[in-house]
Amino acid sequence: MFGLSELVVVLIVVIAVLLAKKGPELARSAGKSARILKAEARAMKEEKEREKAKENGAAADTAPRVIQGETVVPGFGTTAPGTERPFAAAPERTERAADTPSQDNRP
């Protein structure tokens, strides 16, 4: 009847015919499964990193400390908290006369 080599050829032809019909659908399904697997692996990795950061950074997430004390305003010395004085007004600039030579000695 049929030898082993003929059965292998028939089996390959049958598989090729079936794959021609279902091949694209199987490939699409495998691609979707691979994307889902990657997304789940990434989510697990991010979750582990968040947990590790939460354990390591619990103290770092606290609000910064506010230290009460005297306020130092440059040029005025120190003042008690809440009694800050505004800066002194800058002196007004005066126009230089046209016949006055400039200080940088340029022609």
Protein backbone atom coordinates (compact mmCIF):
# COMPACT_ATOMS: atom_id res chain seq x y z
CA MET A 1 0.00 0.00 0.00
CA PHE A 2 1.66 3.31 1.07
CA GLY A 3 5.16 3.44 2.38
CA LEU A 4 6.42 5.71 5.13
CA SER A 5 7.71 8.36 2.73
CA GLU A 6 4.32 8.58 0.94
CA LEU A 7 2.50 9.00 4.28
CA VAL A 8 4.87 11.82 5.28
CA VAL A 9 4.23 13.62 1.98
CA VAL A 10 0.44 13.25 2.38
CA LEU A 11 0.65 14.47 5.98
CA ILE A 12 2.68 17.54 4.91
CA VAL A 13 0.14 18.35 2.18
CA VAL A 14 -2.78 18.05 4.64
CA ILE A 15 -1.03 20.29 7.16
CA ALA A 16 -0.23 22.84 4.45
CA VAL A 17 -3.88 22.93 3.31
CA LEU A 18 -5.15 23.35 6.86
CA LEU A 19 -2.57 26.04 7.64
CA ALA A 20 -3.50 27.94 4.49
CA LYS A 21 -7.03 28.34 5.87
CA LYS A 22 -6.30 28.74 9.59
CA GLY A 23 -2.71 30.03 9.46
CA PRO A 24 -3.38 33.79 9.56
CA GLU A 25 -5.92 33.34 12.35
CA LEU A 26 -3.47 31.24 14.38
CA ALA A 27 -0.66 33.75 13.85
CA ARG A 28 -2.93 36.64 14.88
CA SER A 29 -3.98 34.77 18.00
CA ALA A 30 -0.37 33.98 18.89
CA GLY A 31 0.57 37.66 18.44
CA LYS A 32 -2.24 38.81 20.73
CA SER A 33 -1.22 36.26 23.34
CA ALA A 34 2.39 37.43 23.19
CA ARG A 35 1.34 41.10 23.63
CA ILE A 36 -0.84 40.22 26.62
CA LEU A 37 2.00 38.22 28.17
CA LYS A 38 4.43 41.14 27.72
CA ALA A 39 1.96 43.62 29.22
CA GLU A 40 1.37 41.42 32.27
CA ALA A 41 5.11 40.90 32.79
CA ARG A 42 5.70 44.67 32.54
CA ALA A 43 2.88 45.36 35.02
CA MET A 44 4.31 42.87 37.51
CA LYS A 45 7.78 44.43 37.19
CA GLU A 46 6.41 47.96 37.73
CA GLU A 47 4.40 46.79 40.73
CA LYS A 48 7.53 45.27 42.31
CA GLU A 49 9.44 48.51 41.67
CA ARG A 50 6.65 50.58 43.27
CA GLU A 51 6.61 48.32 46.34
CA LYS A 52 10.40 48.51 46.62
CA ALA A 53 10.31 52.30 46.23
CA LYS A 54 7.55 52.55 48.82
CA GLU A 55 9.61 50.53 51.31
CA ASN A 56 12.81 52.47 50.64
CA GLY A 57 11.27 55.90 50.24
CA ALA A 58 8.68 55.97 53.00
CA ALA A 59 10.68 58.56 54.91
CA ALA A 60 11.52 60.52 51.76
CA ASP A 61 7.85 61.03 50.89
CA THR A 62 7.16 63.07 54.03
CA ALA A 63 6.69 66.82 53.77
CA PRO A 64 9.80 68.96 54.20
CA ARG A 65 10.43 70.31 57.69
CA VAL A 66 9.81 73.98 58.38
CA ILE A 67 12.26 75.44 60.87
CA GLN A 68 10.99 78.43 62.83
CA GLY A 69 13.48 81.14 63.64
CA GLU A 70 14.63 84.58 62.74
CA THR A 71 14.33 85.88 59.21
CA VAL A 72 17.51 87.32 57.75
CA VAL A 73 16.95 90.02 55.15
CA PRO A 74 20.15 90.98 53.28
CA GLY A 75 21.33 94.42 54.32
CA PHE A 76 18.97 94.75 57.30
CA GLY A 77 20.24 92.22 59.82
CA THR A 78 17.77 89.98 61.59
CA THR A 79 14.12 90.48 62.42
CA ALA A 80 11.68 88.46 64.44
CA PRO A 81 9.35 86.15 62.48
CA GLY A 82 6.38 88.04 61.06
CA THR A 83 8.00 91.47 61.37
CA GLU A 84 9.90 91.55 58.10
CA ARG A 85 10.71 94.99 56.76
CA PRO A 86 10.49 95.73 53.05
CA PHE A 87 13.66 96.47 51.14
CA ALA A 88 14.72 100.10 50.88
CA ALA A 89 13.76 101.81 47.65
CA ALA A 90 16.51 101.98 45.08
CA PRO A 91 17.97 105.44 44.51
CA GLU A 92 16.57 107.22 41.49
CA ARG A 93 18.80 107.36 38.43
CA THR A 94 19.66 110.77 37.16
CA GLU A 95 20.36 111.59 33.56
CA ARG A 96 24.00 112.41 32.87
CA ALA A 97 24.57 115.72 31.18
CA ALA A 98 25.66 115.46 27.55
CA ASP A 99 28.84 117.49 28.12
CA THR A 100 29.97 115.35 31.09
CA PRO A 101 32.61 112.83 30.01
CA SER A 102 31.89 109.17 30.62
CA GLN A 103 33.78 107.28 33.31
CA ASP A 104 35.01 104.48 31.05
CA ASN A 105 37.39 106.78 29.06
CA ARG A 106 36.12 105.68 25.69
CA PRO A 107 36.23 108.13 22.75
